[in-house]
Amino acid sequence: VTTRPCHVKRIGEKKFSIILTEGHNRQIRRMCRALGYHVTSLTRVRLM
C-alpha cells in the first residue's frame, strides 16, 4: 500500500514529528525501513 500524504517536521538531526490520519500496523517503522532508515524510538504524543 502507499501511505497517505502526512505532516512531517524535522526537529533534530535524527528526530522528526509525524502526524498520521491512518493506522496501518507498525506503519511508521515500515515507512522508515522502506527509505533505508531504522526507528530507534517512537512515542505517541497526541491522539485527536
All heavy atoms as atom14 arrays in JSON, in Angstrom:
{
  "sequence": "VTTRPCHVKRIGEKKFSIILTEGHNRQIRRMCRALGYHVTSLTRVRLM",
  "atom14_mask": [
    [1, 1, 1, 1, 1, 1, 1, 0, 0, 0, 0, 0, 0, 0],
    [1, 1, 1, 1, 1, 1, 1, 0, 0, 0, 0, 0, 0, 0],
    [1, 1, 1, 1, 1, 1, 1, 0, 0, 0, 0, 0, 0, 0],
    [1, 1, 1, 1, 1, 1, 1, 1, 1, 1, 1, 0, 0, 0],
    [1, 1, 1, 1, 1, 1, 1, 0, 0, 0, 0, 0, 0, 0],
    [1, 1, 1, 1, 1, 1, 0, 0, 0, 0, 0, 0, 0, 0],
    [1, 1, 1, 1, 1, 1, 1, 1, 1, 1, 0, 0, 0, 0],
    [1, 1, 1, 1, 1, 1, 1, 0, 0, 0, 0, 0, 0, 0],
    [1, 1, 1, 1, 1, 1, 1, 1, 1, 0, 0, 0, 0, 0],
    [1, 1, 1, 1, 1, 1, 1, 1, 1, 1, 1, 0, 0, 0],
    [1, 1, 1, 1, 1, 1, 1, 1, 0, 0, 0, 0, 0, 0],
    [1, 1, 1, 1, 0, 0, 0, 0, 0, 0, 0, 0, 0, 0],
    [1, 1, 1, 1, 1, 1, 1, 1, 1, 0, 0, 0, 0, 0],
    [1, 1, 1, 1, 1, 1, 1, 1, 1, 0, 0, 0, 0, 0],
    [1, 1, 1, 1, 1, 1, 1, 1, 1, 0, 0, 0, 0, 0],
    [1, 1, 1, 1, 1, 1, 1, 1, 1, 1, 1, 0, 0, 0],
    [1, 1, 1, 1, 1, 1, 0, 0, 0, 0, 0, 0, 0, 0],
    [1, 1, 1, 1, 1, 1, 1, 1, 0, 0, 0, 0, 0, 0],
    [1, 1, 1, 1, 1, 1, 1, 1, 0, 0, 0, 0, 0, 0],
    [1, 1, 1, 1, 1, 1, 1, 1, 0, 0, 0, 0, 0, 0],
    [1, 1, 1, 1, 1, 1, 1, 0, 0, 0, 0, 0, 0, 0],
    [1, 1, 1, 1, 1, 1, 1, 1, 1, 0, 0, 0, 0, 0],
    [1, 1, 1, 1, 0, 0, 0, 0, 0, 0, 0, 0, 0, 0],
    [1, 1, 1, 1, 1, 1, 1, 1, 1, 1, 0, 0, 0, 0],
    [1, 1, 1, 1, 1, 1, 1, 1, 0, 0, 0, 0, 0, 0],
    [1, 1, 1, 1, 1, 1, 1, 1, 1, 1, 1, 0, 0, 0],
    [1, 1, 1, 1, 1, 1, 1, 1, 1, 0, 0, 0, 0, 0],
    [1, 1, 1, 1, 1, 1, 1, 1, 0, 0, 0, 0, 0, 0],
    [1, 1, 1, 1, 1, 1, 1, 1, 1, 1, 1, 0, 0, 0],
    [1, 1, 1, 1, 1, 1, 1, 1, 1, 1, 1, 0, 0, 0],
    [1, 1, 1, 1, 1, 1, 1, 1, 0, 0, 0, 0, 0, 0],
    [1, 1, 1, 1, 1, 1, 0, 0, 0, 0, 0, 0, 0, 0],
    [1, 1, 1, 1, 1, 1, 1, 1, 1, 1, 1, 0, 0, 0],
    [1, 1, 1, 1, 1, 0, 0, 0, 0, 0, 0, 0, 0, 0],
    [1, 1, 1, 1, 1, 1, 1, 1, 0, 0, 0, 0, 0, 0],
    [1, 1, 1, 1, 0, 0, 0, 0, 0, 0, 0, 0, 0, 0],
    [1, 1, 1, 1, 1, 1, 1, 1, 1, 1, 1, 1, 0, 0],
    [1, 1, 1, 1, 1, 1, 1, 1, 1, 1, 0, 0, 0, 0],
    [1, 1, 1, 1, 1, 1, 1, 0, 0, 0, 0, 0, 0, 0],
    [1, 1, 1, 1, 1, 1, 1, 0, 0, 0, 0, 0, 0, 0],
    [1, 1, 1, 1, 1, 1, 0, 0, 0, 0, 0, 0, 0, 0],
    [1, 1, 1, 1, 1, 1, 1, 1, 0, 0, 0, 0, 0, 0],
    [1, 1, 1, 1, 1, 1, 1, 0, 0, 0, 0, 0, 0, 0],
    [1, 1, 1, 1, 1, 1, 1, 1, 1, 1, 1, 0, 0, 0],
    [1, 1, 1, 1, 1, 1, 1, 0, 0, 0, 0, 0, 0, 0],
    [1, 1, 1, 1, 1, 1, 1, 1, 1, 1, 1, 0, 0, 0],
    [1, 1, 1, 1, 1, 1, 1, 1, 0, 0, 0, 0, 0, 0],
    [1, 1, 1, 1, 1, 1, 1, 1, 0, 0, 0, 0, 0, 0]
  ],
  "atom14_positions": [
    [[0.86, -1.18, 0.0], [0.0, 0.0, 0.0], [0.9, 1.23, 0.0], [2.06, 1.17, 0.43], [-0.93, 0.04, 1.23], [-1.87, -1.15, 1.25], [-0.14, 0.14, 2.52], [0.0, 0.0, 0.0], [0.0, 0.0, 0.0], [0.0, 0.0, 0.0], [0.0, 0.0, 0.0], [0.0, 0.0, 0.0], [0.0, 0.0, 0.0], [0.0, 0.0, 0.0]],
    [[0.36, 2.33, -0.48], [1.07, 3.61, -0.42], [0.4, 4.45, 0.65], [-0.82, 4.67, 0.61], [1.04, 4.34, -1.76], [1.7, 3.52, -2.75], [1.77, 5.68, -1.67], [0.0, 0.0, 0.0], [0.0, 0.0, 0.0], [0.0, 0.0, 0.0], [0.0, 0.0, 0.0], [0.0, 0.0, 0.0], [0.0, 0.0, 0.0], [0.0, 0.0, 0.0]],
    [[1.18, 4.91, 1.6], [0.62, 5.67, 2.71], [0.11, 7.03, 2.25], [0.55, 7.57, 1.23], [1.67, 5.87, 3.82], [2.79, 6.61, 3.29], [2.15, 4.54, 4.34], [0.0, 0.0, 0.0], [0.0, 0.0, 0.0], [0.0, 0.0, 0.0], [0.0, 0.0, 0.0], [0.0, 0.0, 0.0], [0.0, 0.0, 0.0], [0.0, 0.0, 0.0]],
    [[-0.82, 7.57, 3.01], [-1.38, 8.88, 2.67], [-0.35, 9.99, 2.9], [0.52, 9.86, 3.76], [-2.58, 9.19, 3.57], [-3.81, 8.38, 3.3], [-4.89, 8.79, 4.28], [-6.05, 7.93, 4.17], [-7.01, 7.87, 5.09], [-6.92, 8.62, 6.18], [-8.03, 7.06, 4.93], [0.0, 0.0, 0.0], [0.0, 0.0, 0.0], [0.0, 0.0, 0.0]],
    [[-0.47, 11.08, 2.16], [0.35, 12.26, 2.48], [0.12, 12.66, 3.93], [-1.0, 12.54, 4.45], [-0.18, 13.32, 1.52], [-0.73, 12.54, 0.36], [-1.32, 11.3, 0.97], [0.0, 0.0, 0.0], [0.0, 0.0, 0.0], [0.0, 0.0, 0.0], [0.0, 0.0, 0.0], [0.0, 0.0, 0.0], [0.0, 0.0, 0.0], [0.0, 0.0, 0.0]],
    [[1.17, 13.08, 4.6], [1.06, 13.42, 6.02], [1.99, 14.56, 6.36], [2.84, 14.97, 5.56], [1.37, 12.19, 6.88], [3.05, 11.54, 6.66], [0.0, 0.0, 0.0], [0.0, 0.0, 0.0], [0.0, 0.0, 0.0], [0.0, 0.0, 0.0], [0.0, 0.0, 0.0], [0.0, 0.0, 0.0], [0.0, 0.0, 0.0], [0.0, 0.0, 0.0]],
    [[1.85, 15.08, 7.58], [2.68, 16.19, 8.04], [3.92, 15.63, 8.72], [3.81, 14.84, 9.66], [1.9, 17.07, 9.02], [2.71, 18.21, 9.57], [2.91, 19.37, 8.87], [3.4, 18.34, 10.73], [3.67, 20.19, 9.58], [3.97, 19.58, 10.72], [0.0, 0.0, 0.0], [0.0, 0.0, 0.0], [0.0, 0.0, 0.0], [0.0, 0.0, 0.0]],
    [[5.11, 16.04, 8.23], [6.38, 15.6, 8.82], [7.25, 16.82, 9.05], [7.38, 17.68, 8.17], [7.12, 14.61, 7.9], [8.46, 14.21, 8.51], [6.27, 13.37, 7.65], [0.0, 0.0, 0.0], [0.0, 0.0, 0.0], [0.0, 0.0, 0.0], [0.0, 0.0, 0.0], [0.0, 0.0, 0.0], [0.0, 0.0, 0.0], [0.0, 0.0, 0.0]],
    [[7.85, 16.91, 10.24], [8.71, 18.05, 10.57], [9.98, 17.54, 11.24], [9.92, 16.81, 12.22], [7.99, 19.02, 11.51], [8.81, 20.24, 11.89], [8.03, 21.15, 12.84], [8.86, 22.36, 13.24], [8.11, 23.24, 14.19], [0.0, 0.0, 0.0], [0.0, 0.0, 0.0], [0.0, 0.0, 0.0], [0.0, 0.0, 0.0], [0.0, 0.0, 0.0]],
    [[11.13, 17.95, 10.7], [12.4, 17.58, 11.31], [12.6, 18.42, 12.57], [12.5, 19.64, 12.53], [13.54, 17.81, 10.32], [14.91, 17.41, 10.84], [15.93, 17.38, 9.72], [15.69, 18.42, 8.73], [16.14, 18.38, 7.48], [16.81, 17.34, 7.06], [15.89, 19.37, 6.65], [0.0, 0.0, 0.0], [0.0, 0.0, 0.0], [0.0, 0.0, 0.0]],
    [[12.9, 17.78, 13.7], [13.09, 18.51, 14.95], [14.44, 18.21, 15.59], [14.73, 18.62, 16.71], [11.95, 18.19, 15.96], [11.85, 16.69, 16.21], [10.63, 18.74, 15.48], [10.8, 16.32, 17.25], [0.0, 0.0, 0.0], [0.0, 0.0, 0.0], [0.0, 0.0, 0.0], [0.0, 0.0, 0.0], [0.0, 0.0, 0.0], [0.0, 0.0, 0.0]],
    [[15.3, 17.5, 14.86], [16.64, 17.19, 15.32], [17.4, 16.49, 14.22], [16.84, 16.16, 13.17], [0.0, 0.0, 0.0], [0.0, 0.0, 0.0], [0.0, 0.0, 0.0], [0.0, 0.0, 0.0], [0.0, 0.0, 0.0], [0.0, 0.0, 0.0], [0.0, 0.0, 0.0], [0.0, 0.0, 0.0], [0.0, 0.0, 0.0], [0.0, 0.0, 0.0]],
    [[18.67, 16.26, 14.43], [19.49, 15.62, 13.4], [18.93, 14.25, 13.01], [18.9, 13.9, 11.83], [20.93, 15.45, 13.9], [21.86, 14.81, 12.86], [23.27, 14.62, 13.4], [23.53, 15.05, 14.54], [24.1, 14.03, 12.68], [0.0, 0.0, 0.0], [0.0, 0.0, 0.0], [0.0, 0.0, 0.0], [0.0, 0.0, 0.0], [0.0, 0.0, 0.0]],
    [[18.45, 13.5, 14.0], [17.91, 12.17, 13.76], [16.48, 12.03, 14.27], [16.0, 10.91, 14.45], [18.79, 11.11, 14.42], [20.24, 11.09, 13.93], [21.04, 10.02, 14.66], [22.49, 10.0, 14.2], [23.27, 8.96, 14.92], [0.0, 0.0, 0.0], [0.0, 0.0, 0.0], [0.0, 0.0, 0.0], [0.0, 0.0, 0.0], [0.0, 0.0, 0.0]],
    [[15.8, 13.13, 14.51], [14.48, 13.1, 15.13], [13.48, 13.92, 14.32], [13.82, 14.99, 13.8], [14.54, 13.63, 16.56], [13.24, 13.55, 17.33], [13.4, 14.09, 18.75], [14.29, 13.19, 19.59], [14.3, 13.63, 21.02], [0.0, 0.0, 0.0], [0.0, 0.0, 0.0], [0.0, 0.0, 0.0], [0.0, 0.0, 0.0], [0.0, 0.0, 0.0]],
    [[12.25, 13.41, 14.21], [11.2, 14.14, 13.5], [9.84, 13.87, 14.15], [9.67, 12.91, 14.9], [11.15, 13.74, 12.01], [10.77, 12.31, 11.74], [9.45, 11.95, 11.47], [11.73, 11.3, 11.74], [9.1, 10.62, 11.21], [11.39, 9.97, 11.49], [10.07, 9.64, 11.21], [0.0, 0.0, 0.0], [0.0, 0.0, 0.0], [0.0, 0.0, 0.0]],
    [[8.89, 14.76, 13.87], [7.5, 14.54, 14.29], [6.69, 14.19, 13.06], [6.99, 14.64, 11.94], [6.92, 15.79, 14.96], [6.82, 16.86, 14.04], [0.0, 0.0, 0.0], [0.0, 0.0, 0.0], [0.0, 0.0, 0.0], [0.0, 0.0, 0.0], [0.0, 0.0, 0.0], [0.0, 0.0, 0.0], [0.0, 0.0, 0.0], [0.0, 0.0, 0.0]],
    [[5.67, 13.38, 13.24], [4.81, 12.96, 12.13], [3.38, 12.86, 12.62], [3.12, 12.38, 13.73], [5.29, 11.62, 11.53], [4.42, 11.2, 10.34], [5.36, 10.52, 12.58], [4.99, 10.02, 9.54], [0.0, 0.0, 0.0], [0.0, 0.0, 0.0], [0.0, 0.0, 0.0], [0.0, 0.0, 0.0], [0.0, 0.0, 0.0], [0.0, 0.0, 0.0]],
    [[2.45, 13.36, 11.8], [1.02, 13.3, 12.12], [0.34, 12.44, 11.07], [0.34, 12.77, 9.88], [0.38, 14.7, 12.14], [1.07, 15.57, 13.19], [-1.12, 14.6, 12.43], [0.61, 17.02, 13.2], [0.0, 0.0, 0.0], [0.0, 0.0, 0.0], [0.0, 0.0, 0.0], [0.0, 0.0, 0.0], [0.0, 0.0, 0.0], [0.0, 0.0, 0.0]],
    [[-0.23, 11.31, 11.5], [-0.9, 10.38, 10.6], [-2.42, 10.5, 10.73], [-2.94, 10.85, 11.78], [-0.5, 8.94, 10.92], [0.97, 8.56, 10.83], [1.14, 7.09, 11.18], [1.53, 8.85, 9.44], [0.0, 0.0, 0.0], [0.0, 0.0, 0.0], [0.0, 0.0, 0.0], [0.0, 0.0, 0.0], [0.0, 0.0, 0.0], [0.0, 0.0, 0.0]],
    [[-3.1, 10.16, 9.64], [-4.57, 10.05, 9.68], [-4.98, 8.65, 9.22], [-6.08, 8.45, 8.71], [-5.23, 11.11, 8.78], [-4.71, 11.0, 7.45], [-4.99, 12.51, 9.33], [0.0, 0.0, 0.0], [0.0, 0.0, 0.0], [0.0, 0.0, 0.0], [0.0, 0.0, 0.0], [0.0, 0.0, 0.0], [0.0, 0.0, 0.0], [0.0, 0.0, 0.0]],
    [[-4.08, 7.69, 9.38], [-4.37, 6.29, 9.1], [-3.56, 5.46, 10.09], [-2.72, 6.01, 10.81], [-4.03, 5.93, 7.65], [-2.57, 6.17, 7.29], [-2.28, 5.93, 5.82], [-3.05, 5.21, 5.17], [-1.27, 6.47, 5.33], [0.0, 0.0, 0.0], [0.0, 0.0, 0.0], [0.0, 0.0, 0.0], [0.0, 0.0, 0.0], [0.0, 0.0, 0.0]],
    [[-3.83, 4.17, 10.12], [-3.18, 3.37, 11.15], [-2.82, 1.98, 10.72], [-3.25, 1.0, 11.34], [0.0, 0.0, 0.0], [0.0, 0.0, 0.0], [0.0, 0.0, 0.0], [0.0, 0.0, 0.0], [0.0, 0.0, 0.0], [0.0, 0.0, 0.0], [0.0, 0.0, 0.0], [0.0, 0.0, 0.0], [0.0, 0.0, 0.0], [0.0, 0.0, 0.0]],
    [[-2.01, 1.84, 9.67], [-1.52, 0.52, 9.3], [-0.6, -0.02, 10.4], [0.08, 0.75, 11.09], [-0.75, 0.57, 7.98], [-1.58, 0.99, 6.81], [-2.69, 0.28, 6.41], [-1.46, 2.04, 5.94], [-3.23, 0.88, 5.35], [-2.49, 1.94, 5.06], [0.0, 0.0, 0.0], [0.0, 0.0, 0.0], [0.0, 0.0, 0.0], [0.0, 0.0, 0.0]],
    [[-0.57, -1.33, 10.54], [0.25, -1.97, 11.56], [1.72, -1.56, 11.4], [2.3, -1.7, 10.33], [0.11, -3.49, 11.46], [0.84, -4.22, 12.55], [0.95, -3.73, 13.67], [1.36, -5.4, 12.23], [0.0, 0.0, 0.0], [0.0, 0.0, 0.0], [0.0, 0.0, 0.0], [0.0, 0.0, 0.0], [0.0, 0.0, 0.0], [0.0, 0.0, 0.0]],
    [[2.31, -1.03, 12.49], [3.72, -0.6, 12.51], [4.05, 0.3, 11.32], [5.13, 0.2, 10.71], [4.63, -1.83, 12.57], [4.41, -2.69, 13.81], [5.25, -3.95, 13.81], [6.67, -3.68, 14.0], [7.27, -3.56, 15.18], [6.55, -3.65, 16.29], [8.56, -3.33, 15.27], [0.0, 0.0, 0.0], [0.0, 0.0, 0.0], [0.0, 0.0, 0.0]],
    [[3.13, 1.18, 11.01], [3.23, 1.98, 9.78], [4.5, 2.83, 9.72], [5.2, 2.84, 8.7], [2.01, 2.88, 9.63], [2.08, 3.79, 8.39], [0.8, 4.55, 8.14], [-0.27, 4.12, 8.54], [0.9, 5.68, 7.47], [0.0, 0.0, 0.0], [0.0, 0.0, 0.0], [0.0, 0.0, 0.0], [0.0, 0.0, 0.0], [0.0, 0.0, 0.0]],
    [[4.79, 3.56, 10.78], [5.94, 4.47, 10.74], [7.24, 3.68, 10.6], [8.13, 4.06, 9.83], [5.97, 5.35, 12.0], [4.72, 6.24, 12.04], [7.23, 6.22, 12.03], [4.54, 7.01, 13.34], [0.0, 0.0, 0.0], [0.0, 0.0, 0.0], [0.0, 0.0, 0.0], [0.0, 0.0, 0.0], [0.0, 0.0, 0.0], [0.0, 0.0, 0.0]],
    [[7.34, 2.58, 11.3], [8.54, 1.75, 11.19], [8.71, 1.2, 9.77], [9.82, 1.14, 9.23], [8.48, 0.6, 12.2], [8.47, 1.06, 13.66], [8.34, -0.1, 14.62], [8.15, 0.36, 15.98], [9.12, 0.72, 16.81], [10.38, 0.65, 16.39], [8.86, 1.13, 18.03], [0.0, 0.0, 0.0], [0.0, 0.0, 0.0], [0.0, 0.0, 0.0]],
    [[7.58, 0.8, 9.17], [7.64, 0.27, 7.8], [8.01, 1.38, 6.81], [8.77, 1.14, 5.85], [6.3, -0.34, 7.42], [5.93, -1.59, 8.21], [4.51, -2.05, 7.85], [4.02, -3.11, 8.72], [4.19, -4.4, 8.54], [4.87, -4.83, 7.48], [3.69, -5.28, 9.38], [0.0, 0.0, 0.0], [0.0, 0.0, 0.0], [0.0, 0.0, 0.0]],
    [[7.47, 2.58, 7.02], [7.8, 3.71, 6.14], [9.28, 4.03, 6.2], [9.94, 4.21, 5.16], [6.98, 4.95, 6.53], [5.49, 4.83, 6.28], [4.55, 6.21, 7.02], [5.01, 7.57, 5.93], [0.0, 0.0, 0.0], [0.0, 0.0, 0.0], [0.0, 0.0, 0.0], [0.0, 0.0, 0.0], [0.0, 0.0, 0.0], [0.0, 0.0, 0.0]],
    [[9.82, 4.09, 7.41], [11.25, 4.4, 7.56], [12.11, 3.3, 6.95], [13.1, 3.59, 6.26], [11.58, 4.58, 9.04], [10.88, 6.08, 9.79], [0.0, 0.0, 0.0], [0.0, 0.0, 0.0], [0.0, 0.0, 0.0], [0.0, 0.0, 0.0], [0.0, 0.0, 0.0], [0.0, 0.0, 0.0], [0.0, 0.0, 0.0], [0.0, 0.0, 0.0]],
    [[11.73, 2.05, 7.2], [12.52, 0.93, 6.66], [12.55, 0.96, 5.14], [13.58, 0.66, 4.51], [11.97, -0.39, 7.17], [12.82, -1.59, 6.76], [12.42, -2.87, 7.48], [11.08, -3.32, 7.12], [10.11, -3.48, 7.99], [10.3, -3.21, 9.27], [8.93, -3.92, 7.59], [0.0, 0.0, 0.0], [0.0, 0.0, 0.0], [0.0, 0.0, 0.0]],
    [[11.41, 1.32, 4.51], [11.34, 1.39, 3.06], [12.28, 2.44, 2.49], [12.71, 2.35, 1.33], [9.9, 1.67, 2.61], [0.0, 0.0, 0.0], [0.0, 0.0, 0.0], [0.0, 0.0, 0.0], [0.0, 0.0, 0.0], [0.0, 0.0, 0.0], [0.0, 0.0, 0.0], [0.0, 0.0, 0.0], [0.0, 0.0, 0.0], [0.0, 0.0, 0.0]],
    [[12.63, 3.43, 3.32], [13.52, 4.51, 2.87], [14.94, 4.34, 3.39], [15.77, 5.25, 3.29], [12.96, 5.87, 3.32], [11.58, 6.23, 2.75], [11.1, 7.57, 3.31], [11.61, 6.27, 1.22], [0.0, 0.0, 0.0], [0.0, 0.0, 0.0], [0.0, 0.0, 0.0], [0.0, 0.0, 0.0], [0.0, 0.0, 0.0], [0.0, 0.0, 0.0]],
    [[15.23, 3.15, 3.96], [16.58, 2.85, 4.39], [16.93, 3.32, 5.79], [18.12, 3.42, 6.13], [0.0, 0.0, 0.0], [0.0, 0.0, 0.0], [0.0, 0.0, 0.0], [0.0, 0.0, 0.0], [0.0, 0.0, 0.0], [0.0, 0.0, 0.0], [0.0, 0.0, 0.0], [0.0, 0.0, 0.0], [0.0, 0.0, 0.0], [0.0, 0.0, 0.0]],
    [[15.93, 3.58, 6.6], [16.15, 4.04, 7.98], [15.61, 3.02, 8.96], [14.7, 2.24, 8.64], [15.45, 5.38, 8.23], [16.13, 6.57, 7.59], [16.08, 6.77, 6.21], [16.82, 7.5, 8.36], [16.7, 7.87, 5.61], [17.44, 8.6, 7.78], [17.38, 8.77, 6.41], [17.99, 9.86, 5.84], [0.0, 0.0, 0.0], [0.0, 0.0, 0.0]],
    [[16.15, 3.06, 10.18], [15.68, 2.17, 11.25], [15.22, 3.02, 12.43], [15.96, 3.92, 12.87], [16.8, 1.23, 11.69], [16.47, 0.41, 12.9], [15.55, -0.62, 12.86], [16.9, 0.49, 14.2], [15.45, -1.15, 14.07], [16.25, -0.49, 14.9], [0.0, 0.0, 0.0], [0.0, 0.0, 0.0], [0.0, 0.0, 0.0], [0.0, 0.0, 0.0]],
    [[14.03, 2.77, 12.92], [13.49, 3.52, 14.05], [14.13, 3.01, 15.34], [14.1, 1.81, 15.63], [11.96, 3.37, 14.14], [11.43, 3.98, 15.45], [11.29, 4.04, 12.95], [0.0, 0.0, 0.0], [0.0, 0.0, 0.0], [0.0, 0.0, 0.0], [0.0, 0.0, 0.0], [0.0, 0.0, 0.0], [0.0, 0.0, 0.0], [0.0, 0.0, 0.0]],
    [[14.69, 3.93, 16.13], [15.29, 3.56, 17.41], [14.38, 3.91, 18.58], [14.51, 3.32, 19.66], [16.65, 4.25, 17.6], [16.49, 5.68, 17.52], [17.63, 3.8, 16.51], [0.0, 0.0, 0.0], [0.0, 0.0, 0.0], [0.0, 0.0, 0.0], [0.0, 0.0, 0.0], [0.0, 0.0, 0.0], [0.0, 0.0, 0.0], [0.0, 0.0, 0.0]],
    [[13.47, 4.86, 18.4], [12.46, 5.14, 19.42], [11.25, 5.79, 18.76], [11.39, 6.54, 17.78], [13.01, 6.03, 20.54], [13.18, 7.35, 20.09], [0.0, 0.0, 0.0], [0.0, 0.0, 0.0], [0.0, 0.0, 0.0], [0.0, 0.0, 0.0], [0.0, 0.0, 0.0], [0.0, 0.0, 0.0], [0.0, 0.0, 0.0], [0.0, 0.0, 0.0]],
    [[10.08, 5.49, 19.3], [8.83, 6.01, 18.74], [7.85, 6.25, 19.89], [7.57, 5.33, 20.66], [8.24, 5.01, 17.73], [7.07, 5.46, 16.87], [7.01, 4.63, 15.58], [5.74, 5.33, 17.6], [0.0, 0.0, 0.0], [0.0, 0.0, 0.0], [0.0, 0.0, 0.0], [0.0, 0.0, 0.0], [0.0, 0.0, 0.0], [0.0, 0.0, 0.0]],
    [[7.38, 7.48, 20.0], [6.47, 7.86, 21.09], [5.26, 8.58, 20.53], [5.4, 9.55, 19.76], [7.17, 8.78, 22.1], [8.31, 8.13, 22.64], [6.22, 9.17, 23.23], [0.0, 0.0, 0.0], [0.0, 0.0, 0.0], [0.0, 0.0, 0.0], [0.0, 0.0, 0.0], [0.0, 0.0, 0.0], [0.0, 0.0, 0.0], [0.0, 0.0, 0.0]],
    [[4.06, 8.11, 20.89], [2.85, 8.84, 20.51], [2.61, 9.93, 21.54], [2.53, 9.65, 22.74], [1.64, 7.9, 20.44], [0.37, 8.62, 19.97], [-0.67, 7.65, 19.44], [-1.12, 6.7, 20.43], [-1.76, 5.56, 20.14], [-1.99, 5.23, 18.89], [-2.15, 4.74, 21.1], [0.0, 0.0, 0.0], [0.0, 0.0, 0.0], [0.0, 0.0, 0.0]],
    [[2.46, 11.17, 21.06], [2.29, 12.31, 21.96], [0.9, 12.91, 21.88], [0.52, 13.72, 22.74], [3.34, 13.4, 21.68], [4.75, 12.88, 21.98], [3.26, 13.9, 20.24], [0.0, 0.0, 0.0], [0.0, 0.0, 0.0], [0.0, 0.0, 0.0], [0.0, 0.0, 0.0], [0.0, 0.0, 0.0], [0.0, 0.0, 0.0], [0.0, 0.0, 0.0]],
    [[0.14, 12.52, 20.85], [-1.22, 13.07, 20.73], [-2.12, 12.06, 20.04], [-1.7, 11.4, 19.09], [-1.23, 14.39, 19.96], [-2.62, 15.01, 19.8], [-2.52, 16.45, 19.29], [-1.98, 16.53, 17.95], [-2.72, 16.45, 16.84], [-4.03, 16.25, 16.92], [-2.14, 16.56, 15.65], [0.0, 0.0, 0.0], [0.0, 0.0, 0.0], [0.0, 0.0, 0.0]],
    [[-3.36, 11.97, 20.5], [-4.41, 11.18, 19.88], [-5.65, 12.05, 19.83], [-6.27, 12.31, 20.86], [-4.67, 9.9, 20.68], [-5.81, 9.0, 20.21], [-5.53, 8.46, 18.81], [-6.02, 7.85, 21.19], [0.0, 0.0, 0.0], [0.0, 0.0, 0.0], [0.0, 0.0, 0.0], [0.0, 0.0, 0.0], [0.0, 0.0, 0.0], [0.0, 0.0, 0.0]],
    [[-5.98, 12.57, 18.63], [-7.08, 13.51, 18.47], [-6.87, 14.7, 19.4], [-5.84, 15.37, 19.31], [-8.41, 12.79, 18.68], [-8.66, 11.69, 17.64], [-10.13, 10.68, 17.93], [-11.45, 11.87, 17.8], [0.0, 0.0, 0.0], [0.0, 0.0, 0.0], [0.0, 0.0, 0.0], [0.0, 0.0, 0.0], [0.0, 0.0, 0.0], [0.0, 0.0, 0.0]]
  ]
}
